[in-house]
Amino acid sequence: MKIILTHEVKGLGHPGDIVEVKSGYARNFLLPRGDAISWSAGGEKQIEGIRRARKSREIHDLDHAQQIKKTLEENAIRLSVKAGAGGRLFGSVTEKDVALAVKAAGGPDLDRRRIAIAGHIKTIGAHKVKVTLHPQVIANIALDVHTGA
């Protein structure tokens, strides 16, 4: 089955790529999650928009990735959450929460799939989060999880 990727899928391709996959994989996994759309003549027209959006978010080269790494590591990212007695969170901090906190702190728009949280963050306090900006550049973000007022 021919599909058009709308998000990066590891081992398959990047947004805007047209790929051929088994129909079950497309129907049961990629299409319901929104990672792809069925290929059609009308879908071909959407590819250019998807590629433009990808290019604006994409890190241009190794030097650009180093600059972003420096800005991310210099600033501590603060994330407000709801917590109970003893500092236990109601739920846990997700990659999406980290991406939104970085954006709110004036940082770049990060793809949540490039953020790696070691274990689950379920307590308030200081935590470390890794972000893969480039195959050769990994940033370590200092995340300060605190209770929101």
N, C-alpha and C. Protein backbone atom coordinates (compact mmCIF):
# COMPACT_ATOMS: atom_id res chain seq x y z
N MET A 1 0.85 -1.17 0.00
CA MET A 1 0.00 0.00 0.00
C MET A 1 0.90 1.23 0.00
N LYS A 2 0.58 2.20 -0.83
CA LYS A 2 1.34 3.43 -0.92
C LYS A 2 0.76 4.44 0.05
N ILE A 3 1.63 5.04 0.88
CA ILE A 3 1.19 6.06 1.84
C ILE A 3 2.12 7.25 1.81
N ILE A 4 1.64 8.36 2.37
CA ILE A 4 2.44 9.58 2.51
C ILE A 4 2.64 9.81 4.00
N LEU A 5 3.88 9.86 4.44
CA LEU A 5 4.17 10.06 5.86
C LEU A 5 3.91 11.52 6.26
N THR A 6 3.25 11.71 7.39
CA THR A 6 3.00 13.05 7.91
C THR A 6 3.90 13.35 9.11
N HIS A 7 4.49 12.32 9.69
CA HIS A 7 5.43 12.46 10.81
C HIS A 7 6.61 11.54 10.53
N GLU A 8 7.70 11.77 11.24
CA GLU A 8 8.86 10.89 11.11
C GLU A 8 8.55 9.54 11.74
N VAL A 9 8.82 8.48 11.00
CA VAL A 9 8.64 7.11 11.50
C VAL A 9 10.00 6.45 11.41
N LYS A 10 10.52 6.04 12.55
CA LYS A 10 11.86 5.45 12.61
C LYS A 10 11.95 4.23 11.71
N GLY A 11 12.97 4.21 10.88
CA GLY A 11 13.19 3.09 9.99
C GLY A 11 12.35 3.11 8.72
N LEU A 12 11.49 4.13 8.57
CA LEU A 12 10.62 4.18 7.40
C LEU A 12 10.82 5.44 6.59
N GLY A 13 10.85 6.60 7.25
CA GLY A 13 11.07 7.83 6.50
C GLY A 13 10.68 9.07 7.29
N HIS A 14 10.71 10.18 6.58
CA HIS A 14 10.45 11.50 7.15
C HIS A 14 9.14 12.05 6.61
N PRO A 15 8.61 13.12 7.22
CA PRO A 15 7.37 13.70 6.73
C PRO A 15 7.48 14.12 5.27
N GLY A 16 6.45 13.79 4.50
CA GLY A 16 6.43 14.13 3.09
C GLY A 16 6.94 13.03 2.19
N ASP A 17 7.51 11.97 2.75
CA ASP A 17 8.01 10.86 1.95
C ASP A 17 6.85 9.95 1.53
N ILE A 18 6.91 9.46 0.31
CA ILE A 18 5.95 8.48 -0.17
C ILE A 18 6.63 7.12 -0.05
N VAL A 19 6.01 6.21 0.70
CA VAL A 19 6.60 4.90 0.93
C VAL A 19 5.58 3.81 0.65
N GLU A 20 6.09 2.64 0.38
CA GLU A 20 5.26 1.45 0.15
C GLU A 20 5.41 0.55 1.38
N VAL A 21 4.27 0.25 2.04
CA VAL A 21 4.28 -0.61 3.23
C VAL A 21 3.19 -1.67 3.07
N LYS A 22 3.23 -2.66 3.91
CA LYS A 22 2.17 -3.67 3.91
C LYS A 22 0.87 -3.01 4.35
N SER A 23 -0.22 -3.43 3.74
CA SER A 23 -1.50 -2.77 3.98
C SER A 23 -1.95 -2.89 5.44
N GLY A 24 -1.66 -3.99 6.11
CA GLY A 24 -2.04 -4.15 7.51
C GLY A 24 -1.31 -3.16 8.41
N TYR A 25 -0.02 -2.95 8.15
CA TYR A 25 0.78 -1.99 8.92
C TYR A 25 0.22 -0.59 8.75
N ALA A 26 -0.16 -0.25 7.52
CA ALA A 26 -0.71 1.08 7.26
C ALA A 26 -2.08 1.22 7.92
N ARG A 27 -2.98 0.27 7.68
CA ARG A 27 -4.36 0.34 8.18
C ARG A 27 -4.45 0.29 9.69
N ASN A 28 -3.65 -0.55 10.31
CA ASN A 28 -3.79 -0.80 11.75
C ASN A 28 -2.87 0.04 12.63
N PHE A 29 -1.82 0.61 12.05
CA PHE A 29 -0.86 1.34 12.89
C PHE A 29 -0.64 2.76 12.43
N LEU A 30 -0.16 2.97 11.21
CA LEU A 30 0.23 4.30 10.76
C LEU A 30 -0.95 5.24 10.56
N LEU A 31 -1.99 4.80 9.88
CA LEU A 31 -3.14 5.67 9.61
C LEU A 31 -3.91 6.06 10.88
N PRO A 32 -4.23 5.12 11.78
CA PRO A 32 -4.96 5.52 13.00
C PRO A 32 -4.18 6.48 13.91
N ARG A 33 -2.85 6.34 13.94
CA ARG A 33 -2.03 7.21 14.78
C ARG A 33 -1.81 8.59 14.16
N GLY A 34 -2.15 8.73 12.88
CA GLY A 34 -1.95 10.01 12.20
C GLY A 34 -0.53 10.20 11.70
N ASP A 35 0.24 9.13 11.64
CA ASP A 35 1.61 9.22 11.16
C ASP A 35 1.68 9.21 9.64
N ALA A 36 0.56 8.87 8.98
CA ALA A 36 0.55 8.80 7.52
C ALA A 36 -0.87 9.04 7.01
N ILE A 37 -0.95 9.36 5.72
CA ILE A 37 -2.23 9.44 5.03
C ILE A 37 -2.14 8.56 3.80
N SER A 38 -3.28 8.08 3.32
CA SER A 38 -3.29 7.25 2.13
C SER A 38 -2.83 8.07 0.94
N TRP A 39 -2.11 7.42 0.05
CA TRP A 39 -1.62 8.10 -1.13
C TRP A 39 -2.78 8.30 -2.10
N SER A 40 -2.86 9.50 -2.66
CA SER A 40 -3.84 9.81 -3.70
C SER A 40 -3.29 10.99 -4.48
N ALA A 41 -3.94 11.31 -5.59
CA ALA A 41 -3.50 12.46 -6.39
C ALA A 41 -3.62 13.74 -5.58
N GLY A 42 -4.69 13.86 -4.80
CA GLY A 42 -4.87 15.04 -3.94
C GLY A 42 -3.83 15.08 -2.83
N GLY A 43 -3.46 13.90 -2.34
CA GLY A 43 -2.44 13.82 -1.30
C GLY A 43 -1.08 14.27 -1.79
N GLU A 44 -0.83 14.05 -3.08
CA GLU A 44 0.43 14.51 -3.68
C GLU A 44 0.58 16.02 -3.51
N LYS A 45 -0.52 16.74 -3.60
CA LYS A 45 -0.48 18.20 -3.48
C LYS A 45 -0.14 18.63 -2.06
N GLN A 46 -0.50 17.81 -1.07
CA GLN A 46 -0.23 18.13 0.33
C GLN A 46 1.24 17.94 0.69
N ILE A 47 1.94 17.15 -0.10
CA ILE A 47 3.33 16.83 0.20
C ILE A 47 4.19 18.08 0.29
N GLU A 48 3.99 19.01 -0.62
CA GLU A 48 4.80 20.23 -0.62
C GLU A 48 4.61 21.01 0.68
N GLY A 49 3.38 21.10 1.17
CA GLY A 49 3.12 21.77 2.45
C GLY A 49 3.78 21.06 3.61
N ILE A 50 3.74 19.73 3.59
CA ILE A 50 4.37 18.94 4.65
C ILE A 50 5.88 19.15 4.63
N ARG A 51 6.46 19.16 3.46
CA ARG A 51 7.91 19.35 3.35
C ARG A 51 8.34 20.74 3.76
N ARG A 52 7.52 21.77 3.44
CA ARG A 52 7.85 23.13 3.87
C ARG A 52 7.83 23.23 5.39
N ALA A 53 6.83 22.65 6.02
CA ALA A 53 6.73 22.67 7.48
C ALA A 53 7.91 21.93 8.11
N ARG A 54 8.31 20.80 7.51
CA ARG A 54 9.45 20.04 8.02
C ARG A 54 10.73 20.85 7.91
N LYS A 55 10.91 21.55 6.79
CA LYS A 55 12.12 22.32 6.57
C LYS A 55 12.24 23.47 7.58
N SER A 56 11.10 24.08 7.95
CA SER A 56 11.16 25.19 8.90
C SER A 56 11.52 24.70 10.31
N ARG A 57 11.12 23.47 10.67
CA ARG A 57 11.42 22.93 11.99
C ARG A 57 12.77 22.24 12.04
N GLU A 58 13.27 21.83 10.91
CA GLU A 58 14.47 21.01 10.84
C GLU A 58 15.73 21.78 11.25
N ILE A 59 16.63 21.09 11.85
CA ILE A 59 17.93 21.65 12.20
C ILE A 59 18.79 21.56 10.95
N HIS A 60 19.35 22.70 10.55
CA HIS A 60 19.99 22.81 9.25
C HIS A 60 21.28 22.01 9.11
N ASP A 61 22.16 22.12 10.10
CA ASP A 61 23.43 21.41 10.00
C ASP A 61 24.02 21.23 11.39
N LEU A 62 25.22 20.71 11.46
CA LEU A 62 25.86 20.42 12.73
C LEU A 62 26.09 21.68 13.56
N ASP A 63 26.51 22.78 12.93
CA ASP A 63 26.74 24.03 13.66
C ASP A 63 25.44 24.56 14.26
N HIS A 64 24.36 24.48 13.49
CA HIS A 64 23.05 24.93 13.99
C HIS A 64 22.62 24.07 15.19
N ALA A 65 22.85 22.77 15.12
CA ALA A 65 22.52 21.87 16.23
C ALA A 65 23.36 22.22 17.47
N GLN A 66 24.63 22.56 17.28
CA GLN A 66 25.50 22.94 18.41
C GLN A 66 24.99 24.22 19.07
N GLN A 67 24.52 25.18 18.26
CA GLN A 67 23.99 26.43 18.81
C GLN A 67 22.74 26.16 19.64
N ILE A 68 21.84 25.34 19.13
CA ILE A 68 20.61 25.02 19.85
C ILE A 68 20.94 24.27 21.14
N LYS A 69 21.91 23.36 21.06
CA LYS A 69 22.34 22.62 22.25
C LYS A 69 22.83 23.57 23.32
N LYS A 70 23.63 24.54 22.93
CA LYS A 70 24.18 25.50 23.89
C LYS A 70 23.07 26.29 24.57
N THR A 71 22.10 26.77 23.80
CA THR A 71 21.01 27.55 24.39
C THR A 71 20.13 26.68 25.29
N LEU A 72 19.89 25.44 24.92
CA LEU A 72 19.07 24.55 25.74
C LEU A 72 19.76 24.20 27.05
N GLU A 73 21.07 23.96 27.00
CA GLU A 73 21.79 23.56 28.20
C GLU A 73 22.07 24.73 29.15
N GLU A 74 22.08 25.95 28.63
CA GLU A 74 22.33 27.12 29.49
C GLU A 74 21.10 27.48 30.32
N ASN A 75 19.91 27.22 29.80
CA ASN A 75 18.68 27.62 30.48
C ASN A 75 18.04 26.42 31.15
N ALA A 76 17.65 26.60 32.41
CA ALA A 76 16.89 25.56 33.10
C ALA A 76 15.43 25.72 32.70
N ILE A 77 14.80 24.64 32.34
CA ILE A 77 13.41 24.65 31.92
C ILE A 77 12.55 24.33 33.13
N ARG A 78 11.56 25.19 33.39
CA ARG A 78 10.66 25.00 34.53
C ARG A 78 9.32 24.48 34.02
N LEU A 79 8.80 23.46 34.71
CA LEU A 79 7.55 22.84 34.33
C LEU A 79 6.64 22.78 35.56
N SER A 80 5.48 23.42 35.48
CA SER A 80 4.52 23.42 36.58
C SER A 80 3.57 22.24 36.43
N VAL A 81 3.40 21.49 37.52
CA VAL A 81 2.52 20.32 37.52
C VAL A 81 1.70 20.29 38.80
N LYS A 82 0.69 19.44 38.83
CA LYS A 82 -0.08 19.22 40.05
C LYS A 82 0.55 18.05 40.79
N ALA A 83 0.73 18.25 42.10
CA ALA A 83 1.36 17.20 42.91
C ALA A 83 0.63 17.08 44.23
N GLY A 84 0.68 15.90 44.80
CA GLY A 84 0.08 15.64 46.10
C GLY A 84 1.09 15.81 47.21
N ALA A 85 0.70 15.36 48.38
CA ALA A 85 1.59 15.44 49.55
C ALA A 85 2.82 14.58 49.30
N GLY A 86 3.95 15.08 49.71
CA GLY A 86 5.19 14.33 49.56
C GLY A 86 5.84 14.52 48.19
N GLY A 87 5.27 15.37 47.34
CA GLY A 87 5.89 15.66 46.06
C GLY A 87 5.60 14.66 44.95
N ARG A 88 4.64 13.74 45.14
CA ARG A 88 4.27 12.79 44.08
C ARG A 88 3.32 13.47 43.11
N LEU A 89 3.60 13.32 41.81
CA LEU A 89 2.77 13.94 40.78
C LEU A 89 1.49 13.13 40.56
N PHE A 90 0.45 13.83 40.10
CA PHE A 90 -0.76 13.17 39.64
C PHE A 90 -0.51 12.83 38.17
N GLY A 91 -0.01 11.64 37.90
CA GLY A 91 0.40 11.25 36.55
C GLY A 91 1.91 11.34 36.46
N SER A 92 2.42 11.58 35.24
CA SER A 92 3.86 11.73 35.07
C SER A 92 4.14 12.74 33.97
N VAL A 93 5.37 13.19 33.90
CA VAL A 93 5.79 14.15 32.89
C VAL A 93 6.09 13.39 31.61
N THR A 94 5.52 13.84 30.49
CA THR A 94 5.71 13.18 29.20
C THR A 94 6.64 14.01 28.31
N GLU A 95 7.02 13.42 27.20
CA GLU A 95 7.87 14.13 26.23
C GLU A 95 7.15 15.36 25.69
N LYS A 96 5.85 15.24 25.51
CA LYS A 96 5.06 16.37 25.02
C LYS A 96 5.10 17.53 26.01
N ASP A 97 5.00 17.22 27.30
CA ASP A 97 5.08 18.26 28.34
C ASP A 97 6.42 18.97 28.29
N VAL A 98 7.49 18.23 28.09
CA VAL A 98 8.83 18.81 28.02
C VAL A 98 8.95 19.72 26.80
N ALA A 99 8.44 19.26 25.65
CA ALA A 99 8.50 20.06 24.42
C ALA A 99 7.74 21.37 24.59
N LEU A 100 6.57 21.31 25.23
CA LEU A 100 5.78 22.54 25.46
C LEU A 100 6.48 23.48 26.45
N ALA A 101 7.14 22.92 27.47
CA ALA A 101 7.86 23.74 28.44
C ALA A 101 9.05 24.43 27.79
N VAL A 102 9.76 23.74 26.90
CA VAL A 102 10.90 24.35 26.19
C VAL A 102 10.40 25.49 25.31
N LYS A 103 9.30 25.26 24.61
CA LYS A 103 8.73 26.29 23.74
C LYS A 103 8.27 27.50 24.56
N ALA A 104 7.64 27.25 25.72
CA ALA A 104 7.18 28.33 26.58
C ALA A 104 8.34 29.13 27.17
N ALA A 105 9.49 28.49 27.34
CA ALA A 105 10.67 29.17 27.90
C ALA A 105 11.43 29.94 26.82
N GLY A 106 10.89 29.98 25.61
CA GLY A 106 11.54 30.73 24.54
C GLY A 106 12.51 29.90 23.72
N GLY A 107 12.48 28.59 23.90
CA GLY A 107 13.37 27.71 23.16
C GLY A 107 12.78 27.33 21.81
N PRO A 108 13.47 26.48 21.07
CA PRO A 108 12.99 26.07 19.76
C PRO A 108 11.81 25.09 19.86
N ASP A 109 11.10 24.93 18.77
CA ASP A 109 10.00 23.98 18.68
C ASP A 109 10.59 22.59 18.49
N LEU A 110 10.57 21.77 19.54
CA LEU A 110 11.17 20.43 19.49
C LEU A 110 10.13 19.38 19.15
N ASP A 111 10.54 18.38 18.39
CA ASP A 111 9.69 17.24 18.11
C ASP A 111 9.75 16.31 19.31
N ARG A 112 8.60 15.93 19.84
CA ARG A 112 8.57 15.09 21.05
C ARG A 112 9.23 13.74 20.84
N ARG A 113 9.33 13.29 19.59
CA ARG A 113 9.95 12.00 19.32
C ARG A 113 11.47 12.04 19.50
N ARG A 114 12.04 13.23 19.56
CA ARG A 114 13.48 13.38 19.74
C ARG A 114 13.87 13.57 21.20
N ILE A 115 12.87 13.60 22.08
CA ILE A 115 13.11 13.80 23.51
C ILE A 115 13.11 12.44 24.20
N ALA A 116 14.12 12.17 25.03
CA ALA A 116 14.22 10.91 25.75
C ALA A 116 14.26 11.18 27.25
N ILE A 117 13.26 10.64 27.94
CA ILE A 117 13.19 10.76 29.39
C ILE A 117 13.59 9.41 29.98
N ALA A 118 14.60 9.41 30.84
CA ALA A 118 15.04 8.17 31.48
C ALA A 118 14.03 7.81 32.56
N GLY A 119 13.30 6.73 32.36
CA GLY A 119 12.27 6.34 33.33
C GLY A 119 11.09 7.29 33.26
N HIS A 120 10.28 7.28 34.30
CA HIS A 120 9.13 8.17 34.38
C HIS A 120 9.41 9.23 35.42
N ILE A 121 9.09 10.47 35.10
CA ILE A 121 9.25 11.55 36.07
C ILE A 121 7.93 11.66 36.82
N LYS A 122 7.95 11.25 38.09
CA LYS A 122 6.74 11.24 38.90
C LYS A 122 6.90 12.02 40.21
N THR A 123 8.00 12.77 40.34
CA THR A 123 8.23 13.55 41.55
C THR A 123 8.66 14.96 41.16
N ILE A 124 8.44 15.89 42.08
CA ILE A 124 8.93 17.25 41.83
C ILE A 124 10.42 17.29 42.10
N GLY A 125 11.09 18.30 41.54
CA GLY A 125 12.52 18.42 41.73
C GLY A 125 13.25 18.57 40.42
N ALA A 126 14.57 18.42 40.46
CA ALA A 126 15.41 18.57 39.27
C ALA A 126 15.58 17.22 38.58
N HIS A 127 15.46 17.22 37.26
CA HIS A 127 15.60 16.01 36.45
C HIS A 127 16.41 16.35 35.20
N LYS A 128 17.00 15.32 34.59
CA LYS A 128 17.75 15.49 33.34
C LYS A 128 16.97 14.82 32.21
N VAL A 129 16.92 15.51 31.06
CA VAL A 129 16.24 15.00 29.88
C VAL A 129 17.19 15.15 28.70
N LYS A 130 17.25 14.13 27.83
CA LYS A 130 18.11 14.17 26.65
C LYS A 130 17.28 14.48 25.41
N VAL A 131 17.85 15.33 24.55
CA VAL A 131 17.20 15.67 23.28
C VAL A 131 18.20 15.42 22.16
N THR A 132 17.81 14.60 21.18
CA THR A 132 18.66 14.32 20.03
C THR A 132 18.37 15.38 18.97
N LEU A 133 19.28 16.32 18.81
CA LEU A 133 19.11 17.41 17.86
C LEU A 133 19.64 17.04 16.48
N HIS A 134 20.65 16.21 16.46
CA HIS A 134 21.35 15.81 15.24
C HIS A 134 21.96 14.45 15.57
N PRO A 135 22.22 13.59 14.60
CA PRO A 135 22.81 12.31 14.94
C PRO A 135 24.10 12.40 15.77
N GLN A 136 24.81 13.51 15.66
CA GLN A 136 26.06 13.68 16.42
C GLN A 136 25.91 14.62 17.62
N VAL A 137 24.72 15.21 17.82
CA VAL A 137 24.54 16.21 18.88
C VAL A 137 23.35 15.82 19.76
N ILE A 138 23.65 15.59 21.05
CA ILE A 138 22.61 15.29 22.03
C ILE A 138 22.71 16.32 23.14
N ALA A 139 21.60 17.02 23.40
CA ALA A 139 21.57 18.04 24.45
C ALA A 139 21.00 17.45 25.72
N ASN A 140 21.58 17.82 26.86
CA ASN A 140 21.07 17.42 28.17
C ASN A 140 20.39 18.63 28.80
N ILE A 141 19.08 18.54 28.93
CA ILE A 141 18.29 19.65 29.47
C ILE A 141 18.10 19.45 30.97
N ALA A 142 18.28 20.55 31.72
CA ALA A 142 17.97 20.53 33.15
C ALA A 142 16.51 20.92 33.30
N LEU A 143 15.69 19.99 33.77
CA LEU A 143 14.24 20.20 33.90
C LEU A 143 13.90 20.34 35.37
N ASP A 144 13.30 21.47 35.72
CA ASP A 144 12.89 21.73 37.09
C ASP A 144 11.37 21.55 37.18
N VAL A 145 10.94 20.46 37.77
CA VAL A 145 9.52 20.17 37.92
C VAL A 145 9.10 20.71 39.29
N HIS A 146 8.06 21.58 39.28
CA HIS A 146 7.59 22.17 40.53
C HIS A 146 6.07 22.24 40.51
N THR A 147 5.49 22.43 41.69
CA THR A 147 4.05 22.52 41.77
C THR A 147 3.59 23.89 41.32
N GLY A 148 2.55 23.92 40.52
CA GLY A 148 2.01 25.18 40.02
C GLY A 148 1.07 25.79 41.05
N ALA A 149 1.09 27.12 41.09
CA ALA A 149 0.24 27.81 42.07
C ALA A 149 -1.06 28.22 41.44
